[in-house]
Amino acid sequence: MTYCSVYGAGTSIVLIGMMGAGKSCVGRCLQRRTTLALADTDDIVVSKFGISIPEIFSKHGEHGFREAETQALRGLAMTKQAIIVTGGGIVLREKNVDFLKRLGVIVWLDGNEETLFERASRARTRPLLQGENPRELFAQMLRARLPLYAKIGDIRIDTSVLTDEEVAVAILSKLRKLGRNLGARSFAVAQSTAG
């Protein structure tokens, strides 16, 4: 089944948002609830280079990472319906935004700054937070990215006080209200598990 509306011609559910918003965990919850395939742009980039994201940043810089991220998105544009998890900075390139819009419904996972930073800083592997003042670096990134997320997000969910499962249920509920077609089997599974 295909889907076409103001949300783009694609049939995927695309998760965007700042690091710490829970995109990867929510993506896995959505995968379980819908039986759709799961694709993570960070995982695709890591697989391409064969090294970790911090190592990619160290050896190839942010520019090298962003180029590979764009290539990953380009490849996803040719695939079937899926849950697509993206990196927090994917919205920084206009060409990425075009790819994202073509993929399907864009779900912006948001949250208050304090919560997002606390979650993001738990992992010591965030290359963009390695500096003298990670808190200020995070605040600067968030200020730059918020308008971009807001501009392209079709649906916004505040994840600050919700579990990953609750976020997944909220996404599926909003998609149902919008008449979003997840495909017959997947939609039936999502309805039966969202309640």
C-alpha atoms as a PDB file:
ATOM      1  CA  MET A   1       0.000   0.000   0.000  1.00  0.00           C
ATOM      2  CA  THR A   2       1.264   3.473  -0.735  1.00  0.00           C
ATOM      3  CA  TYR A   3       0.676   6.688   1.098  1.00  0.00           C
ATOM      4  CA  CYS A   4       0.602  10.189  -0.270  1.00  0.00           C
ATOM      5  CA  SER A   5      -0.383  13.418   1.464  1.00  0.00           C
ATOM      6  CA  VAL A   6       1.098  16.637   2.753  1.00  0.00           C
ATOM      7  CA  TYR A   7       3.561  14.437   4.621  1.00  0.00           C
ATOM      8  CA  GLY A   8       5.375  13.375   1.464  1.00  0.00           C
ATOM      9  CA  ALA A   9       5.122  10.460  -0.901  1.00  0.00           C
ATOM     10  CA  GLY A  10       7.219   8.101   1.222  1.00  0.00           C
ATOM     11  CA  THR A  11       5.745   5.511   3.518  1.00  0.00           C
ATOM     12  CA  SER A  12       8.338   5.478   6.285  1.00  0.00           C
ATOM     13  CA  ILE A  13       8.307   6.929   9.793  1.00  0.00           C
ATOM     14  CA  VAL A  14      11.368   9.161  10.158  1.00  0.00           C
ATOM     15  CA  LEU A  15      12.614  10.100  13.635  1.00  0.00           C
ATOM     16  CA  ILE A  16      14.533  13.343  13.996  1.00  0.00           C
ATOM     17  CA  GLY A  17      15.659  15.289  17.048  1.00  0.00           C
ATOM     18  CA  MET A  18      18.544  16.277  19.263  1.00  0.00           C
ATOM     19  CA  MET A  19      20.907  13.745  20.800  1.00  0.00           C
ATOM     20  CA  GLY A  20      19.299  12.543  24.022  1.00  0.00           C
ATOM     21  CA  ALA A  21      15.763  12.627  22.626  1.00  0.00           C
ATOM     22  CA  GLY A  22      15.601   8.824  22.541  1.00  0.00           C
ATOM     23  CA  LYS A  23      15.407   8.267  18.790  1.00  0.00           C
ATOM     24  CA  SER A  24      17.232   4.915  18.761  1.00  0.00           C
ATOM     25  CA  CYS A  25      15.272   3.427  21.677  1.00  0.00           C
ATOM     26  CA  VAL A  26      11.936   4.725  20.387  1.00  0.00           C
ATOM     27  CA  GLY A  27      12.815   3.380  16.936  1.00  0.00           C
ATOM     28  CA  ARG A  28      13.259  -0.106  18.405  1.00  0.00           C
ATOM     29  CA  CYS A  29       9.918   0.191  20.241  1.00  0.00           C
ATOM     30  CA  LEU A  30       8.193   1.230  17.008  1.00  0.00           C
ATOM     31  CA  GLN A  31       9.823  -1.652  15.151  1.00  0.00           C
ATOM     32  CA  ARG A  32       8.437  -4.142  17.683  1.00  0.00           C
ATOM     33  CA  ARG A  33       4.968  -2.615  17.518  1.00  0.00           C
ATOM     34  CA  THR A  34       4.720  -2.337  13.727  1.00  0.00           C
ATOM     35  CA  THR A  35       6.992  -5.147  12.433  1.00  0.00           C
ATOM     36  CA  LEU A  36       8.485  -2.619   9.993  1.00  0.00           C
ATOM     37  CA  ALA A  37      12.197  -2.751   9.202  1.00  0.00           C
ATOM     38  CA  LEU A  38      14.460  -0.466  11.265  1.00  0.00           C
ATOM     39  CA  ALA A  39      17.210   1.630   9.677  1.00  0.00           C
ATOM     40  CA  ASP A  40      19.566   3.888  11.640  1.00  0.00           C
ATOM     41  CA  THR A  41      21.696   6.347   9.676  1.00  0.00           C
ATOM     42  CA  ASP A  42      24.433   6.268  12.348  1.00  0.00           C
ATOM     43  CA  ASP A  43      24.618   2.468  12.097  1.00  0.00           C
ATOM     44  CA  ILE A  44      24.837   2.693   8.296  1.00  0.00           C
ATOM     45  CA  VAL A  45      27.716   5.190   8.525  1.00  0.00           C
ATOM     46  CA  VAL A  46      29.558   3.078  11.129  1.00  0.00           C
ATOM     47  CA  SER A  47      29.128   0.017   8.920  1.00  0.00           C
ATOM     48  CA  LYS A  48      30.513   1.882   5.909  1.00  0.00           C
ATOM     49  CA  PHE A  49      33.676   3.017   7.707  1.00  0.00           C
ATOM     50  CA  GLY A  50      34.070  -0.044   9.916  1.00  0.00           C
ATOM     51  CA  ILE A  51      34.947   2.125  12.924  1.00  0.00           C
ATOM     52  CA  SER A  52      33.026   3.919  15.681  1.00  0.00           C
ATOM     53  CA  ILE A  53      31.505   7.383  15.317  1.00  0.00           C
ATOM     54  CA  PRO A  54      34.165   9.015  17.572  1.00  0.00           C
ATOM     55  CA  GLU A  55      36.840   7.399  15.390  1.00  0.00           C
ATOM     56  CA  ILE A  56      35.108   8.627  12.217  1.00  0.00           C
ATOM     57  CA  PHE A  57      35.106  12.182  13.604  1.00  0.00           C
ATOM     58  CA  SER A  58      38.752  11.827  14.615  1.00  0.00           C
ATOM     59  CA  LYS A  59      39.959  10.453  11.274  1.00  0.00           C
ATOM     60  CA  HIS A  60      37.592  12.095   8.795  1.00  0.00           C
ATOM     61  CA  GLY A  61      36.199  15.087  10.709  1.00  0.00           C
ATOM     62  CA  GLU A  62      32.584  16.152  10.988  1.00  0.00           C
ATOM     63  CA  HIS A  63      32.535  16.884   7.249  1.00  0.00           C
ATOM     64  CA  GLY A  64      33.443  13.267   6.424  1.00  0.00           C
ATOM     65  CA  PHE A  65      30.768  12.010   8.772  1.00  0.00           C
ATOM     66  CA  ARG A  66      28.124  14.334   7.287  1.00  0.00           C
ATOM     67  CA  GLU A  67      29.009  13.246   3.738  1.00  0.00           C
ATOM     68  CA  ALA A  68      28.563   9.584   4.691  1.00  0.00           C
ATOM     69  CA  GLU A  69      25.314  10.456   6.482  1.00  0.00           C
ATOM     70  CA  THR A  70      23.958  12.052   3.294  1.00  0.00           C
ATOM     71  CA  GLN A  71      24.942   8.949   1.300  1.00  0.00           C
ATOM     72  CA  ALA A  72      23.135   6.770   3.857  1.00  0.00           C
ATOM     73  CA  LEU A  73      19.979   8.861   3.439  1.00  0.00           C
ATOM     74  CA  ARG A  74      20.235   8.699  -0.334  1.00  0.00           C
ATOM     75  CA  GLY A  75      20.332   4.906  -0.103  1.00  0.00           C
ATOM     76  CA  LEU A  76      17.322   4.815   2.202  1.00  0.00           C
ATOM     77  CA  ALA A  77      15.306   6.826  -0.295  1.00  0.00           C
ATOM     78  CA  MET A  78      15.296   3.728  -2.492  1.00  0.00           C
ATOM     79  CA  THR A  79      14.172   1.256   0.163  1.00  0.00           C
ATOM     80  CA  LYS A  80      10.779   0.097   1.316  1.00  0.00           C
ATOM     81  CA  GLN A  81       8.691   1.349   4.209  1.00  0.00           C
ATOM     82  CA  ALA A  82      10.665   1.423   7.461  1.00  0.00           C
ATOM     83  CA  ILE A  83      11.268   3.091  10.786  1.00  0.00           C
ATOM     84  CA  ILE A  84      14.203   5.427  10.109  1.00  0.00           C
ATOM     85  CA  VAL A  85      16.322   6.767  12.973  1.00  0.00           C
ATOM     86  CA  THR A  86      18.538   9.733  12.143  1.00  0.00           C
ATOM     87  CA  GLY A  87      21.449  11.492  13.819  1.00  0.00           C
ATOM     88  CA  GLY A  88      20.784  14.770  15.596  1.00  0.00           C
ATOM     89  CA  GLY A  89      22.671  16.872  13.049  1.00  0.00           C
ATOM     90  CA  ILE A  90      21.130  15.385   9.931  1.00  0.00           C
ATOM     91  CA  VAL A  91      18.919  18.475   9.485  1.00  0.00           C
ATOM     92  CA  LEU A  92      21.954  20.743   9.074  1.00  0.00           C
ATOM     93  CA  ARG A  93      22.223  19.985   5.340  1.00  0.00           C
ATOM     94  CA  GLU A  94      19.485  21.178   3.020  1.00  0.00           C
ATOM     95  CA  LYS A  95      19.937  18.171   0.717  1.00  0.00           C
ATOM     96  CA  ASN A  96      19.311  15.888   3.716  1.00  0.00           C
ATOM     97  CA  VAL A  97      16.081  17.713   4.460  1.00  0.00           C
ATOM     98  CA  ASP A  98      14.920  17.018   0.905  1.00  0.00           C
ATOM     99  CA  PHE A  99      15.654  13.292   1.349  1.00  0.00           C
ATOM    100  CA  LEU A 100      13.929  13.202   4.736  1.00  0.00           C
ATOM    101  CA  LYS A 101      10.770  14.786   3.332  1.00  0.00           C
ATOM    102  CA  ARG A 102      10.623  12.206   0.553  1.00  0.00           C
ATOM    103  CA  LEU A 103      10.906   9.289   2.975  1.00  0.00           C
ATOM    104  CA  GLY A 104       7.587   9.805   4.781  1.00  0.00           C
ATOM    105  CA  VAL A 105       6.208  11.286   7.988  1.00  0.00           C
ATOM    106  CA  ILE A 106       8.860  13.167   9.965  1.00  0.00           C
ATOM    107  CA  VAL A 107       8.451  12.756  13.725  1.00  0.00           C
ATOM    108  CA  TRP A 108      10.389  15.259  15.815  1.00  0.00           C
ATOM    109  CA  LEU A 109      11.325  13.878  19.220  1.00  0.00           C
ATOM    110  CA  ASP A 110      11.823  16.918  21.421  1.00  0.00           C
ATOM    111  CA  GLY A 111      12.458  17.523  25.108  1.00  0.00           C
ATOM    112  CA  ASN A 112      13.559  20.168  27.548  1.00  0.00           C
ATOM    113  CA  GLU A 113      17.208  21.148  27.309  1.00  0.00           C
ATOM    114  CA  GLU A 114      18.210  19.880  30.755  1.00  0.00           C
ATOM    115  CA  THR A 115      16.742  16.414  30.160  1.00  0.00           C
ATOM    116  CA  LEU A 116      18.225  16.126  26.679  1.00  0.00           C
ATOM    117  CA  PHE A 117      21.691  17.134  27.890  1.00  0.00           C
ATOM    118  CA  GLU A 118      21.562  14.778  30.866  1.00  0.00           C
ATOM    119  CA  ARG A 119      20.640  11.851  28.616  1.00  0.00           C
ATOM    120  CA  ALA A 120      23.156  12.765  25.902  1.00  0.00           C
ATOM    121  CA  SER A 121      26.025  13.147  28.352  1.00  0.00           C
ATOM    122  CA  ARG A 122      25.480   9.667  29.828  1.00  0.00           C
ATOM    123  CA  ALA A 123      27.261   8.265  26.794  1.00  0.00           C
ATOM    124  CA  ARG A 124      30.849   9.431  26.768  1.00  0.00           C
ATOM    125  CA  THR A 125      31.039   8.674  23.040  1.00  0.00           C
ATOM    126  CA  ARG A 126      29.476  11.887  21.716  1.00  0.00           C
ATOM    127  CA  PRO A 127      32.247  13.522  19.664  1.00  0.00           C
ATOM    128  CA  LEU A 128      30.445  16.857  19.453  1.00  0.00           C
ATOM    129  CA  LEU A 129      30.300  17.106  23.254  1.00  0.00           C
ATOM    130  CA  GLN A 130      34.050  16.670  23.736  1.00  0.00           C
ATOM    131  CA  GLY A 131      35.303  20.049  24.841  1.00  0.00           C
ATOM    132  CA  GLU A 132      35.954  22.238  27.838  1.00  0.00           C
ATOM    133  CA  ASN A 133      32.304  23.084  28.379  1.00  0.00           C
ATOM    134  CA  PRO A 134      30.015  20.321  27.024  1.00  0.00           C
ATOM    135  CA  ARG A 135      26.937  21.969  28.522  1.00  0.00           C
ATOM    136  CA  GLU A 136      27.507  25.174  26.575  1.00  0.00           C
ATOM    137  CA  LEU A 137      28.369  23.245  23.398  1.00  0.00           C
ATOM    138  CA  PHE A 138      25.103  21.357  23.744  1.00  0.00           C
ATOM    139  CA  ALA A 139      23.118  24.563  24.298  1.00  0.00           C
ATOM    140  CA  GLN A 140      24.660  26.131  21.166  1.00  0.00           C
ATOM    141  CA  MET A 141      23.873  23.058  19.047  1.00  0.00           C
ATOM    142  CA  LEU A 142      20.325  22.928  20.360  1.00  0.00           C
ATOM    143  CA  ARG A 143      19.716  26.614  19.613  1.00  0.00           C
ATOM    144  CA  ALA A 144      20.977  26.143  16.044  1.00  0.00           C
ATOM    145  CA  ARG A 145      18.979  22.973  15.405  1.00  0.00           C
ATOM    146  CA  LEU A 146      15.617  23.712  17.056  1.00  0.00           C
ATOM    147  CA  PRO A 147      14.297  25.905  14.204  1.00  0.00           C
ATOM    148  CA  LEU A 148      15.342  23.241  11.681  1.00  0.00           C
ATOM    149  CA  TYR A 149      13.544  20.459  13.562  1.00  0.00           C
ATOM    150  CA  ALA A 150      10.469  22.654  13.964  1.00  0.00           C
ATOM    151  CA  LYS A 151      10.451  23.552  10.278  1.00  0.00           C
ATOM    152  CA  ILE A 152      10.393  19.993   8.944  1.00  0.00           C
ATOM    153  CA  GLY A 153       8.720  17.990  11.712  1.00  0.00           C
ATOM    154  CA  ASP A 154       5.217  16.812  10.789  1.00  0.00           C
ATOM    155  CA  ILE A 155       4.587  15.549  14.316  1.00  0.00           C
ATOM    156  CA  ARG A 156       6.261  16.714  17.545  1.00  0.00           C
ATOM    157  CA  ILE A 157       6.454  14.580  20.683  1.00  0.00           C
ATOM    158  CA  ASP A 158       7.972  15.851  23.942  1.00  0.00           C
ATOM    159  CA  THR A 159       9.932  12.913  25.337  1.00  0.00           C
ATOM    160  CA  SER A 160      11.000  14.652  28.569  1.00  0.00           C
ATOM    161  CA  VAL A 161       8.636  12.780  30.908  1.00  0.00           C
ATOM    162  CA  LEU A 162       7.685   9.757  28.786  1.00  0.00           C
ATOM    163  CA  THR A 163       9.206   6.294  28.580  1.00  0.00           C
ATOM    164  CA  ASP A 164      10.351   5.058  25.168  1.00  0.00           C
ATOM    165  CA  GLU A 165       7.282   2.817  24.962  1.00  0.00           C
ATOM    166  CA  GLU A 166       4.979   5.730  25.816  1.00  0.00           C
ATOM    167  CA  VAL A 167       6.595   7.805  23.083  1.00  0.00           C
ATOM    168  CA  ALA A 168       6.091   4.978  20.566  1.00  0.00           C
ATOM    169  CA  VAL A 169       2.422   4.655  21.558  1.00  0.00           C
ATOM    170  CA  ALA A 170       1.961   8.444  21.249  1.00  0.00           C
ATOM    171  CA  ILE A 171       3.511   8.413  17.757  1.00  0.00           C
ATOM    172  CA  LEU A 172       1.271   5.573  16.570  1.00  0.00           C
ATOM    173  CA  SER A 173      -1.782   7.289  18.056  1.00  0.00           C
ATOM    174  CA  LYS A 174      -0.992  10.553  16.247  1.00  0.00           C
ATOM    175  CA  LEU A 175      -0.369   8.694  12.995  1.00  0.00           C
ATOM    176  CA  ARG A 176      -3.744   6.937  13.282  1.00  0.00           C
ATOM    177  CA  LYS A 177      -5.490  10.267  13.866  1.00  0.00           C
ATOM    178  CA  LEU A 178      -3.824  11.574  10.719  1.00  0.00           C
ATOM    179  CA  GLY A 179      -4.982   8.515   8.776  1.00  0.00           C
ATOM    180  CA  ARG A 180      -1.374   7.396   8.279  1.00  0.00           C
ATOM    181  CA  ASN A 181      -1.261   4.027   6.567  1.00  0.00           C
ATOM    182  CA  LEU A 182       1.404   1.712   7.972  1.00  0.00           C
ATOM    183  CA  GLY A 183       0.428  -1.117   5.670  1.00  0.00           C
ATOM    184  CA  ALA A 184      -2.333  -3.582   6.475  1.00  0.00           C
ATOM    185  CA  ARG A 185      -0.431  -6.056   8.650  1.00  0.00           C
ATOM    186  CA  SER A 186       1.757  -3.500  10.371  1.00  0.00           C
ATOM    187  CA  PHE A 187      -1.177  -1.177  11.081  1.00  0.00           C
ATOM    188  CA  ALA A 188      -3.201  -4.005  12.624  1.00  0.00           C
ATOM    189  CA  VAL A 189      -0.279  -4.983  14.849  1.00  0.00           C
ATOM    190  CA  ALA A 190       0.280  -1.373  15.869  1.00  0.00           C
ATOM    191  CA  GLN A 191      -3.381  -0.899  16.761  1.00  0.00           C
ATOM    192  CA  SER A 192      -3.538  -4.056  18.830  1.00  0.00           C
ATOM    193  CA  THR A 193      -0.368  -3.223  20.801  1.00  0.00           C
ATOM    194  CA  ALA A 194      -0.856   0.536  21.202  1.00  0.00           C
ATOM    195  CA  GLY A 195      -3.846   0.190  23.499  1.00  0.00           C
END
